[in-house]
Protein backbone atom coordinates (compact mmCIF):
# COMPACT_ATOMS: atom_id res chain seq x y z
CA UNK A 1 96.81 63.33 124.37
CA UNK A 2 94.72 66.41 125.03
CA UNK A 3 91.00 65.91 125.31
CA UNK A 4 88.60 68.27 123.59
CA UNK A 5 91.13 70.81 122.36
CA UNK A 6 91.00 72.03 118.80
CA UNK A 7 93.58 71.52 116.12
CA UNK A 8 95.44 74.73 115.28
CA UNK A 9 94.69 76.01 111.77
CA UNK A 10 98.37 76.41 110.85
CA UNK A 11 99.02 72.65 111.01
CA UNK A 12 99.73 70.92 107.72
CA UNK A 13 97.24 68.12 106.98
CA UNK A 14 98.37 64.65 107.96
CA UNK A 15 99.14 62.34 110.83
CA UNK A 16 100.46 64.84 113.39
CA UNK A 17 99.00 68.09 114.63
CA UNK A 18 99.38 70.53 117.52
CA UNK A 19 96.27 71.50 119.44
CA UNK A 20 95.22 74.60 121.36
CA UNK A 21 96.82 73.37 124.59
CA UNK A 22 100.26 74.32 123.22
CA UNK A 23 102.14 76.72 125.51
CA UNK A 24 104.85 77.64 123.00
CA UNK A 25 107.74 76.05 124.90
CA UNK A 26 109.47 75.28 121.57
CA UNK A 27 110.71 71.81 122.58
CA UNK A 28 109.17 70.32 119.45
CA UNK A 29 110.82 72.84 117.14
CA UNK A 30 114.17 72.22 118.85
CA UNK A 31 113.84 68.43 118.46
CA UNK A 32 112.31 68.40 114.97
CA UNK A 33 113.06 71.80 113.38
CA UNK A 34 112.14 70.60 109.89
CA UNK A 35 108.64 69.69 111.05
CA UNK A 36 107.59 72.24 113.69
CA UNK A 37 107.52 76.04 113.58
CA UNK A 38 106.48 78.74 116.05
CA UNK A 39 104.12 81.67 115.76
CA UNK A 40 105.08 84.94 117.40
CA UNK A 41 103.01 87.86 118.60
CA UNK A 42 103.58 91.55 118.00
CA UNK A 43 106.21 91.62 120.78
CA UNK A 44 108.10 88.72 119.14
CA UNK A 45 107.06 86.36 121.95
CA UNK A 46 106.31 82.77 120.93
CA UNK A 47 102.57 82.12 121.08
CA UNK A 48 102.44 78.46 120.03
CA UNK A 49 103.97 75.86 117.73
CA UNK A 50 102.41 73.97 114.83
CA UNK A 51 103.24 71.22 112.35
CA UNK A 52 104.93 73.04 109.49
CA UNK A 53 105.68 69.85 107.51
CA UNK A 54 104.51 66.30 108.04
CA UNK A 55 107.37 63.79 108.41
CA UNK A 56 108.52 62.25 105.14
CA UNK A 57 111.38 60.04 106.38
CA UNK A 58 111.83 57.52 109.18
CA UNK A 59 114.16 59.96 110.95
CA UNK A 60 111.58 62.76 110.79
CA UNK A 61 108.89 60.35 112.00
CA UNK A 62 111.06 59.37 114.98
CA UNK A 63 111.73 63.03 115.83
CA UNK A 64 108.02 63.88 115.66
CA UNK A 65 107.26 60.96 117.98
CA UNK A 66 109.98 62.14 120.37
CA UNK A 67 108.51 65.65 120.29
CA UNK A 68 105.09 64.24 121.09
CA UNK A 69 106.51 62.19 123.99
CA UNK A 70 108.28 65.16 125.63
CA UNK A 71 105.58 67.79 125.10
CA UNK A 72 104.89 69.05 128.65
CA UNK A 73 101.18 69.62 128.00
CA UNK A 74 100.45 66.79 125.54
CA UNK A 75 99.55 69.22 122.76
CA UNK A 76 101.11 67.17 119.92
CA UNK A 77 98.67 64.61 118.61
CA UNK A 78 99.17 61.57 116.38
CA UNK A 79 95.78 60.94 114.81
CA UNK A 80 97.07 57.74 113.22
CA UNK A 81 96.08 58.85 109.74
CA UNK A 82 98.30 59.76 106.82
CA UNK A 83 97.91 62.83 104.62
CA UNK A 84 94.56 63.25 102.95
């Protein structure tokens, strides 16, 4: 887990979020496309990813956990809390 990095504003409230350490590699959106999306800059280059939708099924939960495990910079965080 990343220390001291801020949660990106695009994240949906809930258990998972992507922080500012994200490098936009898109692994998470490839693994869990229903839950992660990418932002792009003016040149259509990926800037970073964010949690578009919190998981609502066991399968989505498993895919979000897998995304968190393979994130090369540890930018996906499980805060252990459900939606507020």
